[in-house]
Amino acid sequence: MMFPHSTVPYPRQDEIDANEDGVGFSLRMATLNGLTFSDLARVLASPGHLYLPAQASNAVAFMFGCTPARLELAFVRRYFGAQTSGAFFLGHDFLRTYHLRQVRPQLCPMCLRQVQKALAAWSISLITCCPVHGIQLLDRCVCGRAISWRRPSIDFCECGQRLTAPYQPCEPADPRELAVASQITYLLGSAHFRLRATGGLPAAFDDLSVDTLLRLLWAFGVIEENQAADHPRSANRIFSTKEASALVCRAHDRLRSIFSSRVQTPVRLRIAALALEAIYSDCATPADAQLINAIILRLHRSGERRLARRASDIRMQLTLFGDACD
């Protein structure tokens, strides 16, 4: 057994895959070289660390032969400013760090069996299923333990059970979460094809930034049907995969209702409507601002004038997207 008392090159080396997670790559290569995640954490972070920080990416690249720039993109790099904080991941800016799952990873047991790699898209909290296999992601082993990066290898749980199919249960994904997962994966830029689903998001969402799409989904889905509408419970925490799946399905239905001119749950849209102004102020692209404008106008035209009033100072530069939104 080799122990990384220093960050030296190890015998088995590889390049990180274009769709691979940085911490997952580190665990995969540690396993190939007879190391454990705890060994890496002891040298590159702290003995009890549950993930590797972005500052460790250069050392990991040196140890396992990866291109440093490619590996750095696959690590969540947090930043803190005087009035703002967020994270960079996969070349995208995330203004809400709870949209990224650093400590509590999730996985597709069928993908893991086939490629023996942790995909970077699994670190996005609102990707709750695998568009390739049509199944829900797992954040818990069949033994009941939460899946952790601190495990014996990329495909084994701490309990000794394999994390791959058929050793883990595979449940079919809801078509709504499949549509959302496909949309987010498409916007991440890691896929070379588009998976279109019946009942998917309108075409107007195709040019959004990832951050704006995630914040819209969160705002429109965080309030449950039987929940008091005045304030969401723990709205900024990282949800379990099951909870995030339910959130995504609610957001999908509510956004579809707006663009189909059938706003049937105005009370449940109040928090989302009031959040639109904040999302608009952070818009990174004209397409982001354009879609927020369209949503506000549709709420206004549906009779929810009070909900759109807070955003009345937003200058409506465009008419509705028309057929492009439907």
C-alpha atoms as a PDB file:
ATOM      1  CA  MET A   1       0.000   0.000   0.000  1.00  0.00           C
ATOM      2  CA  MET A   2       1.344   3.434  -0.987  1.00  0.00           C
ATOM      3  CA  PHE A   3       0.592   6.511   1.080  1.00  0.00           C
ATOM      4  CA  PRO A   4       0.808  10.042  -0.363  1.00  0.00           C
ATOM      5  CA  HIS A   5       3.200  11.561   2.171  1.00  0.00           C
ATOM      6  CA  SER A   6       3.980  14.030  -0.601  1.00  0.00           C
ATOM      7  CA  THR A   7       2.360  14.933  -3.882  1.00  0.00           C
ATOM      8  CA  VAL A   8       4.544  12.886  -6.201  1.00  0.00           C
ATOM      9  CA  PRO A   9       3.541  11.409  -9.574  1.00  0.00           C
ATOM     10  CA  TYR A  10       1.933   7.987  -9.225  1.00  0.00           C
ATOM     11  CA  PRO A  11       2.400   5.044 -11.598  1.00  0.00           C
ATOM     12  CA  ARG A  12      -1.113   4.863 -13.012  1.00  0.00           C
ATOM     13  CA  GLN A  13      -2.089   8.094 -14.718  1.00  0.00           C
ATOM     14  CA  ASP A  14      -4.955   9.236 -16.904  1.00  0.00           C
ATOM     15  CA  GLU A  15      -6.657  12.306 -18.370  1.00  0.00           C
ATOM     16  CA  ILE A  16      -9.933  13.497 -16.906  1.00  0.00           C
ATOM     17  CA  ASP A  17     -12.922  12.775 -19.110  1.00  0.00           C
ATOM     18  CA  ALA A  18     -14.816  15.763 -20.538  1.00  0.00           C
ATOM     19  CA  ASN A  19     -17.910  14.890 -18.490  1.00  0.00           C
ATOM     20  CA  GLU A  20     -16.137  13.711 -15.324  1.00  0.00           C
ATOM     21  CA  ASP A  21     -16.334  15.282 -11.878  1.00  0.00           C
ATOM     22  CA  GLY A  22     -13.029  16.521 -10.425  1.00  0.00           C
ATOM     23  CA  VAL A  23     -13.456  14.904  -7.010  1.00  0.00           C
ATOM     24  CA  GLY A  24     -14.703  11.755  -8.713  1.00  0.00           C
ATOM     25  CA  PHE A  25     -11.592  11.699 -10.909  1.00  0.00           C
ATOM     26  CA  SER A  26      -9.446  12.031  -7.789  1.00  0.00           C
ATOM     27  CA  LEU A  27     -11.207   9.070  -6.135  1.00  0.00           C
ATOM     28  CA  ARG A  28     -11.002   6.972  -9.314  1.00  0.00           C
ATOM     29  CA  MET A  29      -7.272   7.553  -9.710  1.00  0.00           C
ATOM     30  CA  ALA A  30      -6.581   7.054  -6.009  1.00  0.00           C
ATOM     31  CA  THR A  31      -8.256   3.651  -6.230  1.00  0.00           C
ATOM     32  CA  LEU A  32      -6.186   2.686  -9.283  1.00  0.00           C
ATOM     33  CA  ASN A  33      -3.020   3.580  -7.381  1.00  0.00           C
ATOM     34  CA  GLY A  34      -3.906   1.707  -4.183  1.00  0.00           C
ATOM     35  CA  LEU A  35      -4.878   4.800  -2.210  1.00  0.00           C
ATOM     36  CA  THR A  36      -8.055   5.724  -0.374  1.00  0.00           C
ATOM     37  CA  PHE A  37      -9.954   8.997  -0.351  1.00  0.00           C
ATOM     38  CA  SER A  38      -8.858   9.445   3.266  1.00  0.00           C
ATOM     39  CA  ASP A  39      -5.234   9.293   2.109  1.00  0.00           C
ATOM     40  CA  LEU A  40      -5.858  12.112  -0.364  1.00  0.00           C
ATOM     41  CA  ALA A  41      -7.832  14.211   2.126  1.00  0.00           C
ATOM     42  CA  ARG A  42      -5.107  13.865   4.754  1.00  0.00           C
ATOM     43  CA  VAL A  43      -2.526  15.451   2.448  1.00  0.00           C
ATOM     44  CA  LEU A  44      -4.642  17.747   0.259  1.00  0.00           C
ATOM     45  CA  ALA A  45      -7.251  19.024   2.734  1.00  0.00           C
ATOM     46  CA  SER A  46      -7.654  17.672   6.282  1.00  0.00           C
ATOM     47  CA  PRO A  47      -8.049  14.152   7.736  1.00  0.00           C
ATOM     48  CA  GLY A  48     -11.797  14.511   8.165  1.00  0.00           C
ATOM     49  CA  HIS A  49     -12.616  16.348   4.930  1.00  0.00           C
ATOM     50  CA  LEU A  50     -15.619  14.965   3.037  1.00  0.00           C
ATOM     51  CA  TYR A  51     -14.521  16.359  -0.331  1.00  0.00           C
ATOM     52  CA  LEU A  52     -11.422  17.834  -1.940  1.00  0.00           C
ATOM     53  CA  PRO A  53     -11.363  21.641  -2.280  1.00  0.00           C
ATOM     54  CA  ALA A  54     -10.593  23.311  -5.583  1.00  0.00           C
ATOM     55  CA  GLN A  55      -7.193  24.368  -4.243  1.00  0.00           C
ATOM     56  CA  ALA A  56      -6.176  20.692  -4.431  1.00  0.00           C
ATOM     57  CA  SER A  57      -6.732  20.411  -8.185  1.00  0.00           C
ATOM     58  CA  ASN A  58      -3.160  21.265  -9.248  1.00  0.00           C
ATOM     59  CA  ALA A  59      -1.701  18.719  -6.826  1.00  0.00           C
ATOM     60  CA  VAL A  60      -4.148  16.050  -8.004  1.00  0.00           C
ATOM     61  CA  ALA A  61      -3.270  16.812 -11.643  1.00  0.00           C
ATOM     62  CA  PHE A  62       0.434  16.442 -10.853  1.00  0.00           C
ATOM     63  CA  MET A  63      -0.096  13.167  -8.983  1.00  0.00           C
ATOM     64  CA  PHE A  64      -2.246  11.500 -11.623  1.00  0.00           C
ATOM     65  CA  GLY A  65      -1.109  13.017 -14.924  1.00  0.00           C
ATOM     66  CA  CYS A  66      -4.141  15.118 -15.713  1.00  0.00           C
ATOM     67  CA  THR A  67      -4.137  18.481 -17.524  1.00  0.00           C
ATOM     68  CA  PRO A  68      -4.405  21.043 -14.682  1.00  0.00           C
ATOM     69  CA  ALA A  69      -6.709  23.443 -16.547  1.00  0.00           C
ATOM     70  CA  ARG A  70      -9.170  20.684 -17.419  1.00  0.00           C
ATOM     71  CA  LEU A  71      -9.216  19.342 -13.881  1.00  0.00           C
ATOM     72  CA  GLU A  72      -9.664  22.798 -12.344  1.00  0.00           C
ATOM     73  CA  LEU A  73     -12.887  23.307 -14.330  1.00  0.00           C
ATOM     74  CA  ALA A  74     -14.303  20.082 -12.871  1.00  0.00           C
ATOM     75  CA  PHE A  75     -13.824  21.252  -9.261  1.00  0.00           C
ATOM     76  CA  VAL A  76     -16.294  23.535  -7.507  1.00  0.00           C
ATOM     77  CA  ARG A  77     -14.348  26.737  -6.839  1.00  0.00           C
ATOM     78  CA  ARG A  78     -16.135  28.993  -4.358  1.00  0.00           C
ATOM     79  CA  TYR A  79     -15.569  32.735  -4.152  1.00  0.00           C
ATOM     80  CA  PHE A  80     -16.509  35.364  -1.589  1.00  0.00           C
ATOM     81  CA  GLY A  81     -16.798  39.111  -2.100  1.00  0.00           C
ATOM     82  CA  ALA A  82     -17.916  42.103  -0.077  1.00  0.00           C
ATOM     83  CA  GLN A  83     -21.541  41.746  -1.145  1.00  0.00           C
ATOM     84  CA  THR A  84     -21.632  38.523  -3.100  1.00  0.00           C
ATOM     85  CA  SER A  85     -20.582  34.901  -3.056  1.00  0.00           C
ATOM     86  CA  GLY A  86     -20.912  32.004  -5.432  1.00  0.00           C
ATOM     87  CA  ALA A  87     -18.989  29.308  -7.223  1.00  0.00           C
ATOM     88  CA  PHE A  88     -17.462  28.441 -10.577  1.00  0.00           C
ATOM     89  CA  PHE A  89     -17.986  24.940 -11.946  1.00  0.00           C
ATOM     90  CA  LEU A  90     -17.572  23.538 -15.464  1.00  0.00           C
ATOM     91  CA  GLY A  91     -16.957  27.047 -16.767  1.00  0.00           C
ATOM     92  CA  HIS A  92     -20.245  28.388 -15.378  1.00  0.00           C
ATOM     93  CA  ASP A  93     -20.990  30.853 -12.604  1.00  0.00           C
ATOM     94  CA  PHE A  94     -23.388  29.707  -9.861  1.00  0.00           C
ATOM     95  CA  LEU A  95     -24.696  32.478  -7.606  1.00  0.00           C
ATOM     96  CA  ARG A  96     -26.368  30.028  -5.220  1.00  0.00           C
ATOM     97  CA  THR A  97     -23.923  27.420  -3.932  1.00  0.00           C
ATOM     98  CA  TYR A  98     -26.731  25.152  -2.722  1.00  0.00           C
ATOM     99  CA  HIS A  99     -27.267  24.299  -6.389  1.00  0.00           C
ATOM    100  CA  LEU A 100     -24.026  22.276  -6.183  1.00  0.00           C
ATOM    101  CA  ARG A 101     -23.596  19.039  -4.222  1.00  0.00           C
ATOM    102  CA  GLN A 102     -20.010  19.042  -2.935  1.00  0.00           C
ATOM    103  CA  VAL A 103     -20.440  17.040   0.267  1.00  0.00           C
ATOM    104  CA  ARG A 104     -23.380  14.752  -0.599  1.00  0.00           C
ATOM    105  CA  PRO A 105     -22.761  13.254  -4.060  1.00  0.00           C
ATOM    106  CA  GLN A 106     -25.343  11.360  -6.062  1.00  0.00           C
ATOM    107  CA  LEU A 107     -24.901   8.850  -8.876  1.00  0.00           C
ATOM    108  CA  CYS A 108     -26.483   6.730 -11.574  1.00  0.00           C
ATOM    109  CA  PRO A 109     -25.748   3.064 -10.767  1.00  0.00           C
ATOM    110  CA  MET A 110     -26.029   2.093 -14.438  1.00  0.00           C
ATOM    111  CA  CYS A 111     -23.608   4.778 -15.659  1.00  0.00           C
ATOM    112  CA  LEU A 112     -21.196   3.908 -12.865  1.00  0.00           C
ATOM    113  CA  ARG A 113     -21.249   0.254 -13.898  1.00  0.00           C
ATOM    114  CA  GLN A 114     -20.597   1.126 -17.545  1.00  0.00           C
ATOM    115  CA  VAL A 115     -17.941   3.847 -17.325  1.00  0.00           C
ATOM    116  CA  GLN A 116     -16.566   3.553 -13.748  1.00  0.00           C
ATOM    117  CA  LYS A 117     -16.563   7.343 -13.471  1.00  0.00           C
ATOM    118  CA  ALA A 118     -18.517   9.961 -11.517  1.00  0.00           C
ATOM    119  CA  LEU A 119     -20.074  12.418 -13.961  1.00  0.00           C
ATOM    120  CA  ALA A 120     -19.827  16.134 -13.277  1.00  0.00           C
ATOM    121  CA  ALA A 121     -23.522  16.694 -14.016  1.00  0.00           C
ATOM    122  CA  TRP A 122     -24.395  14.646 -10.931  1.00  0.00           C
ATOM    123  CA  SER A 123     -23.035  17.504  -8.808  1.00  0.00           C
ATOM    124  CA  ILE A 124     -25.879  19.794  -9.945  1.00  0.00           C
ATOM    125  CA  SER A 125     -28.551  19.549  -7.255  1.00  0.00           C
ATOM    126  CA  LEU A 126     -31.528  19.848  -9.632  1.00  0.00           C
ATOM    127  CA  ILE A 127     -30.303  17.107 -11.956  1.00  0.00           C
ATOM    128  CA  THR A 128     -32.131  14.279 -10.242  1.00  0.00           C
ATOM    129  CA  CYS A 129     -32.103  11.579 -12.907  1.00  0.00           C
ATOM    130  CA  CYS A 130     -30.037  10.113 -15.736  1.00  0.00           C
ATOM    131  CA  PRO A 131     -31.290  11.168 -19.193  1.00  0.00           C
ATOM    132  CA  VAL A 132     -29.385   8.273 -20.788  1.00  0.00           C
ATOM    133  CA  HIS A 133     -30.896   5.453 -18.719  1.00  0.00           C
ATOM    134  CA  GLY A 134     -34.132   7.151 -17.643  1.00  0.00           C
ATOM    135  CA  ILE A 135     -33.693   6.360 -13.949  1.00  0.00           C
ATOM    136  CA  GLN A 136     -33.490   8.456 -10.805  1.00  0.00           C
ATOM    137  CA  LEU A 137     -30.076   9.209  -9.314  1.00  0.00           C
ATOM    138  CA  LEU A 138     -29.205   7.783  -5.907  1.00  0.00           C
ATOM    139  CA  ASP A 139     -27.826   9.687  -2.929  1.00  0.00           C
ATOM    140  CA  ARG A 140     -28.129   6.738  -0.551  1.00  0.00           C
ATOM    141  CA  CYS A 141     -26.793   3.209  -0.725  1.00  0.00           C
ATOM    142  CA  VAL A 142     -29.180   0.287  -0.353  1.00  0.00           C
ATOM    143  CA  CYS A 143     -27.689  -0.096   3.148  1.00  0.00           C
ATOM    144  CA  GLY A 144     -29.203   3.266   4.121  1.00  0.00           C
ATOM    145  CA  ARG A 145     -25.958   5.242   4.284  1.00  0.00           C
ATOM    146  CA  ALA A 146     -25.713   8.569   2.507  1.00  0.00           C
ATOM    147  CA  ILE A 147     -23.323   8.210  -0.420  1.00  0.00           C
ATOM    148  CA  SER A 148     -20.039   9.969   0.346  1.00  0.00           C
ATOM    149  CA  TRP A 149     -16.782  10.713  -1.447  1.00  0.00           C
ATOM    150  CA  ARG A 150     -15.067   9.148   1.566  1.00  0.00           C
ATOM    151  CA  ARG A 151     -15.619   5.598   0.368  1.00  0.00           C
ATOM    152  CA  PRO A 152     -13.300   2.669  -0.450  1.00  0.00           C
ATOM    153  CA  SER A 153     -13.452   3.209  -4.216  1.00  0.00           C
ATOM    154  CA  ILE A 154     -15.469   4.865  -6.943  1.00  0.00           C
ATOM    155  CA  ASP A 155     -17.957   1.958  -7.077  1.00  0.00           C
ATOM    156  CA  PHE A 156     -18.116   0.739  -3.469  1.00  0.00           C
ATOM    157  CA  CYS A 157     -19.986   2.069  -0.441  1.00  0.00           C
ATOM    158  CA  GLU A 158     -18.435   2.165   3.025  1.00  0.00           C
ATOM    159  CA  CYS A 159     -20.620  -0.842   3.885  1.00  0.00           C
ATOM    160  CA  GLY A 160     -18.842  -2.921   1.244  1.00  0.00           C
ATOM    161  CA  GLN A 161     -21.822  -3.007  -1.136  1.00  0.00           C
ATOM    162  CA  ARG A 162     -21.323  -2.131  -4.793  1.00  0.00           C
ATOM    163  CA  LEU A 163     -22.860   1.160  -5.872  1.00  0.00           C
ATOM    164  CA  THR A 164     -23.547  -0.130  -9.366  1.00  0.00           C
ATOM    165  CA  ALA A 165     -26.584  -1.799 -10.910  1.00  0.00           C
ATOM    166  CA  PRO A 166     -27.906  -4.432 -10.215  1.00  0.00           C
ATOM    167  CA  TYR A 167     -26.720  -4.097  -6.602  1.00  0.00           C
ATOM    168  CA  GLN A 168     -28.562  -0.802  -6.129  1.00  0.00           C
ATOM    169  CA  PRO A 169     -32.277  -0.236  -6.794  1.00  0.00           C
ATOM    170  CA  CYS A 170     -33.089   1.634  -9.999  1.00  0.00           C
ATOM    171  CA  GLU A 171     -36.374   3.539 -10.134  1.00  0.00           C
ATOM    172  CA  PRO A 172     -37.759   5.023 -13.371  1.00  0.00           C
ATOM    173  CA  ALA A 173     -37.574   8.800 -13.558  1.00  0.00           C
ATOM    174  CA  ASP A 174     -40.589  11.044 -13.924  1.00  0.00           C
ATOM    175  CA  PRO A 175     -40.818  12.439 -17.501  1.00  0.00           C
ATOM    176  CA  ARG A 176     -40.772  15.962 -16.030  1.00  0.00           C
ATOM    177  CA  GLU A 177     -37.469  15.487 -14.220  1.00  0.00           C
ATOM    178  CA  LEU A 178     -36.058  13.827 -17.342  1.00  0.00           C
ATOM    179  CA  ALA A 179     -36.978  16.934 -19.352  1.00  0.00           C
ATOM    180  CA  VAL A 180     -35.340  19.216 -16.788  1.00  0.00           C
ATOM    181  CA  ALA A 181     -32.208  17.053 -16.452  1.00  0.00           C
ATOM    182  CA  SER A 182     -31.821  17.000 -20.235  1.00  0.00           C
ATOM    183  CA  GLN A 183     -32.221  20.793 -20.387  1.00  0.00           C
ATOM    184  CA  ILE A 184     -29.638  21.460 -17.668  1.00  0.00           C
ATOM    185  CA  THR A 185     -27.179  18.962 -19.174  1.00  0.00           C
ATOM    186  CA  TYR A 186     -27.605  20.635 -22.548  1.00  0.00           C
ATOM    187  CA  LEU A 187     -26.899  24.079 -21.074  1.00  0.00           C
ATOM    188  CA  LEU A 188     -23.845  22.782 -19.207  1.00  0.00           C
ATOM    189  CA  GLY A 189     -22.293  22.129 -22.602  1.00  0.00           C
ATOM    190  CA  SER A 190     -21.070  18.653 -21.685  1.00  0.00           C
ATOM    191  CA  ALA A 191     -23.416  16.828 -24.069  1.00  0.00           C
ATOM    192  CA  HIS A 192     -23.027  16.730 -27.843  1.00  0.00           C
ATOM    193  CA  PHE A 193     -26.679  16.024 -28.473  1.00  0.00           C
ATOM    194  CA  ARG A 194     -30.060  17.217 -27.243  1.00  0.00           C
ATOM    195  CA  LEU A 195     -32.485  14.853 -25.539  1.00  0.00           C
ATOM    196  CA  ARG A 196     -35.949  16.216 -26.197  1.00  0.00           C
ATOM    197  CA  ALA A 197     -38.802  14.923 -24.042  1.00  0.00           C
ATOM    198  CA  THR A 198     -42.568  15.135 -24.436  1.00  0.00           C
ATOM    199  CA  GLY A 199     -43.826  17.837 -22.117  1.00  0.00           C
ATOM    200  CA  GLY A 200     -40.362  19.354 -21.866  1.00  0.00           C
ATOM    201  CA  LEU A 201     -39.501  22.976 -21.229  1.00  0.00           C
ATOM    202  CA  PRO A 202     -40.413  25.559 -23.898  1.00  0.00           C
ATOM    203  CA  ALA A 203     -37.823  26.352 -26.554  1.00  0.00           C
ATOM    204  CA  ALA A 204     -37.338  29.808 -24.999  1.00  0.00           C
ATOM    205  CA  PHE A 205     -35.299  28.116 -22.250  1.00  0.00           C
ATOM    206  CA  ASP A 206     -32.645  26.878 -24.699  1.00  0.00           C
ATOM    207  CA  ASP A 207     -30.457  30.010 -24.491  1.00  0.00           C
ATOM    208  CA  LEU A 208     -30.554  30.570 -20.735  1.00  0.00           C
ATOM    209  CA  SER A 209     -27.496  30.524 -18.521  1.00  0.00           C
ATOM    210  CA  VAL A 210     -27.396  27.485 -16.250  1.00  0.00           C
ATOM    211  CA  ASP A 211     -27.571  29.648 -13.129  1.00  0.00           C
ATOM    212  CA  THR A 212     -30.725  31.474 -14.238  1.00  0.00           C
ATOM    213  CA  LEU A 213     -32.470  28.224 -15.151  1.00  0.00           C
ATOM    214  CA  LEU A 214     -31.624  26.674 -11.776  1.00  0.00           C
ATOM    215  CA  ARG A 215     -32.826  29.751  -9.891  1.00  0.00           C
ATOM    216  CA  LEU A 216     -36.089  29.814 -11.869  1.00  0.00           C
ATOM    217  CA  LEU A 217     -36.706  26.135 -11.181  1.00  0.00           C
ATOM    218  CA  TRP A 218     -35.940  26.642  -7.502  1.00  0.00           C
ATOM    219  CA  ALA A 219     -38.196  29.695  -7.188  1.00  0.00           C
ATOM    220  CA  PHE A 220     -41.141  28.035  -8.920  1.00  0.00           C
ATOM    221  CA  GLY A 221     -40.759  24.643  -7.255  1.00  0.00           C
ATOM    222  CA  VAL A 222     -39.652  25.242  -3.674  1.00  0.00           C
ATOM    223  CA  ILE A 223     -43.202  25.810  -2.340  1.00  0.00           C
ATOM    224  CA  GLU A 224     -45.075  22.537  -1.862  1.00  0.00           C
ATOM    225  CA  GLU A 225     -48.768  22.225  -2.636  1.00  0.00           C
ATOM    226  CA  ASN A 226     -49.757  21.797   1.017  1.00  0.00           C
ATOM    227  CA  GLN A 227     -47.261  24.336   2.352  1.00  0.00           C
ATOM    228  CA  ALA A 228     -48.013  27.824   3.620  1.00  0.00           C
ATOM    229  CA  ALA A 229     -47.390  30.174   0.733  1.00  0.00           C
ATOM    230  CA  ASP A 230     -45.856  33.028   2.704  1.00  0.00           C
ATOM    231  CA  HIS A 231     -42.447  31.474   3.267  1.00  0.00           C
ATOM    232  CA  PRO A 232     -40.670  28.322   2.009  1.00  0.00           C
ATOM    233  CA  ARG A 233     -39.133  25.942   4.530  1.00  0.00           C
ATOM    234  CA  SER A 234     -35.307  25.983   4.494  1.00  0.00           C
ATOM    235  CA  ALA A 235     -35.269  27.379   0.991  1.00  0.00           C
ATOM    236  CA  ASN A 236     -31.476  27.594   0.751  1.00  0.00           C
ATOM    237  CA  ARG A 237     -30.517  24.134   1.967  1.00  0.00           C
ATOM    238  CA  ILE A 238     -29.279  21.289  -0.208  1.00  0.00           C
ATOM    239  CA  PHE A 239     -32.210  18.967  -0.760  1.00  0.00           C
ATOM    240  CA  SER A 240     -31.984  15.203  -0.931  1.00  0.00           C
ATOM    241  CA  THR A 241     -32.364  13.762  -4.423  1.00  0.00           C
ATOM    242  CA  LYS A 242     -35.964  12.741  -3.677  1.00  0.00           C
ATOM    243  CA  GLU A 243     -36.833  16.215  -2.401  1.00  0.00           C
ATOM    244  CA  ALA A 244     -35.125  17.869  -5.372  1.00  0.00           C
ATOM    245  CA  SER A 245     -37.021  15.552  -7.716  1.00  0.00           C
ATOM    246  CA  ALA A 246     -40.354  16.706  -6.283  1.00  0.00           C
ATOM    247  CA  LEU A 247     -39.220  20.352  -6.513  1.00  0.00           C
ATOM    248  CA  VAL A 248     -38.250  19.919 -10.169  1.00  0.00           C
ATOM    249  CA  CYS A 249     -41.599  18.342 -11.057  1.00  0.00           C
ATOM    250  CA  ARG A 250     -43.549  21.169  -9.384  1.00  0.00           C
ATOM    251  CA  ALA A 251     -41.430  23.809 -11.127  1.00  0.00           C
ATOM    252  CA  HIS A 252     -41.878  22.080 -14.489  1.00  0.00           C
ATOM    253  CA  ASP A 253     -45.683  22.056 -14.138  1.00  0.00           C
ATOM    254  CA  ARG A 254     -45.895  25.677 -12.978  1.00  0.00           C
ATOM    255  CA  LEU A 255     -43.596  27.025 -15.688  1.00  0.00           C
ATOM    256  CA  ARG A 256     -45.459  25.046 -18.335  1.00  0.00           C
ATOM    257  CA  SER A 257     -48.751  26.475 -17.079  1.00  0.00           C
ATOM    258  CA  ILE A 258     -47.430  30.029 -17.456  1.00  0.00           C
ATOM    259  CA  PHE A 259     -46.301  29.506 -21.042  1.00  0.00           C
ATOM    260  CA  SER A 260     -49.505  27.690 -21.969  1.00  0.00           C
ATOM    261  CA  SER A 261     -51.625  30.573 -20.564  1.00  0.00           C
ATOM    262  CA  ARG A 262     -53.109  28.292 -17.910  1.00  0.00           C
ATOM    263  CA  VAL A 263     -51.883  29.738 -14.614  1.00  0.00           C
ATOM    264  CA  GLN A 264     -53.830  27.483 -12.270  1.00  0.00           C
ATOM    265  CA  THR A 265     -51.892  27.938  -9.016  1.00  0.00           C
ATOM    266  CA  PRO A 266     -51.521  31.720  -8.489  1.00  0.00           C
ATOM    267  CA  VAL A 267     -51.056  31.405  -4.717  1.00  0.00           C
ATOM    268  CA  ARG A 268     -48.142  29.013  -5.149  1.00  0.00           C
ATOM    269  CA  LEU A 269     -46.539  31.390  -7.643  1.00  0.00           C
ATOM    270  CA  ARG A 270     -46.335  34.323  -5.234  1.00  0.00           C
ATOM    271  CA  ILE A 271     -42.845  33.516  -3.895  1.00  0.00           C
ATOM    272  CA  ALA A 272     -41.603  32.846  -7.422  1.00  0.00           C
ATOM    273  CA  ALA A 273     -43.025  36.099  -8.775  1.00  0.00           C
ATOM    274  CA  LEU A 274     -41.428  38.134  -6.018  1.00  0.00           C
ATOM    275  CA  ALA A 275     -38.110  36.385  -6.686  1.00  0.00           C
ATOM    276  CA  LEU A 276     -38.112  37.360 -10.363  1.00  0.00           C
ATOM    277  CA  GLU A 277     -36.798  40.858  -9.655  1.00  0.00           C
ATOM    278  CA  ALA A 278     -33.749  39.449  -7.853  1.00  0.00           C
ATOM    279  CA  ILE A 279     -33.124  36.932 -10.621  1.00  0.00           C
ATOM    280  CA  TYR A 280     -33.489  39.658 -13.243  1.00  0.00           C
ATOM    281  CA  SER A 281     -30.935  41.871 -11.484  1.00  0.00           C
ATOM    282  CA  ASP A 282     -28.374  39.059 -11.752  1.00  0.00           C
ATOM    283  CA  CYS A 283     -29.102  38.142 -15.377  1.00  0.00           C
ATOM    284  CA  ALA A 284     -25.872  37.244 -17.140  1.00  0.00           C
ATOM    285  CA  THR A 285     -27.115  37.381 -20.747  1.00  0.00           C
ATOM    286  CA  PRO A 286     -29.783  39.169 -22.817  1.00  0.00           C
ATOM    287  CA  ALA A 287     -31.561  35.806 -23.198  1.00  0.00           C
ATOM    288  CA  ASP A 288     -31.877  35.567 -19.406  1.00  0.00           C
ATOM    289  CA  ALA A 289     -33.419  39.040 -19.146  1.00  0.00           C
ATOM    290  CA  GLN A 290     -35.665  38.331 -22.112  1.00  0.00           C
ATOM    291  CA  LEU A 291     -37.175  35.236 -20.540  1.00  0.00           C
ATOM    292  CA  ILE A 292     -37.671  36.874 -17.136  1.00  0.00           C
ATOM    293  CA  ASN A 293     -39.469  39.725 -18.899  1.00  0.00           C
ATOM    294  CA  ALA A 294     -41.708  37.226 -20.674  1.00  0.00           C
ATOM    295  CA  ILE A 295     -42.610  35.416 -17.440  1.00  0.00           C
ATOM    296  CA  ILE A 296     -43.477  38.677 -15.679  1.00  0.00           C
ATOM    297  CA  LEU A 297     -45.655  39.767 -18.600  1.00  0.00           C
ATOM    298  CA  ARG A 298     -47.458  36.434 -18.674  1.00  0.00           C
ATOM    299  CA  LEU A 299     -48.173  36.614 -14.951  1.00  0.00           C
ATOM    300  CA  HIS A 300     -49.448  40.158 -15.487  1.00  0.00           C
ATOM    301  CA  ARG A 301     -51.712  39.127 -18.349  1.00  0.00           C
ATOM    302  CA  SER A 302     -53.045  36.158 -16.403  1.00  0.00           C
ATOM    303  CA  GLY A 303     -54.490  38.552 -13.837  1.00  0.00           C
ATOM    304  CA  GLU A 304     -51.662  38.325 -11.316  1.00  0.00           C
ATOM    305  CA  ARG A 305     -50.931  42.056 -11.511  1.00  0.00           C
ATOM    306  CA  ARG A 306     -50.026  42.280  -7.846  1.00  0.00           C
ATOM    307  CA  LEU A 307     -47.356  39.639  -8.341  1.00  0.00           C
ATOM    308  CA  ALA A 308     -45.761  41.531 -11.192  1.00  0.00           C
ATOM    309  CA  ARG A 309     -45.966  44.962  -9.527  1.00  0.00           C
ATOM    310  CA  ARG A 310     -42.638  44.628  -7.696  1.00  0.00           C
ATOM    311  CA  ALA A 311     -40.944  44.167 -11.032  1.00  0.00           C
ATOM    312  CA  SER A 312     -42.757  47.106 -12.669  1.00  0.00           C
ATOM    313  CA  ASP A 313     -39.534  49.109 -12.867  1.00  0.00           C
ATOM    314  CA  ILE A 314     -38.047  46.493 -15.160  1.00  0.00           C
ATOM    315  CA  ARG A 315     -38.085  47.920 -18.620  1.00  0.00           C
ATOM    316  CA  MET A 316     -40.007  45.583 -20.911  1.00  0.00           C
ATOM    317  CA  GLN A 317     -37.923  45.746 -24.041  1.00  0.00           C
ATOM    318  CA  LEU A 318     -39.608  42.946 -25.964  1.00  0.00           C
ATOM    319  CA  THR A 319     -43.008  41.589 -26.746  1.00  0.00           C
ATOM    320  CA  LEU A 320     -43.738  38.031 -25.708  1.00  0.00           C
ATOM    321  CA  PHE A 321     -41.822  35.307 -27.459  1.00  0.00           C
ATOM    322  CA  GLY A 322     -45.022  34.230 -29.156  1.00  0.00           C
ATOM    323  CA  ASP A 323     -44.843  30.825 -30.798  1.00  0.00           C
ATOM    324  CA  ALA A 324     -41.220  30.403 -29.767  1.00  0.00           C
ATOM    325  CA  CYS A 325     -42.343  30.102 -26.147  1.00  0.00           C
ATOM    326  CA  ASP A 326     -45.135  27.600 -26.647  1.00  0.00           C
END
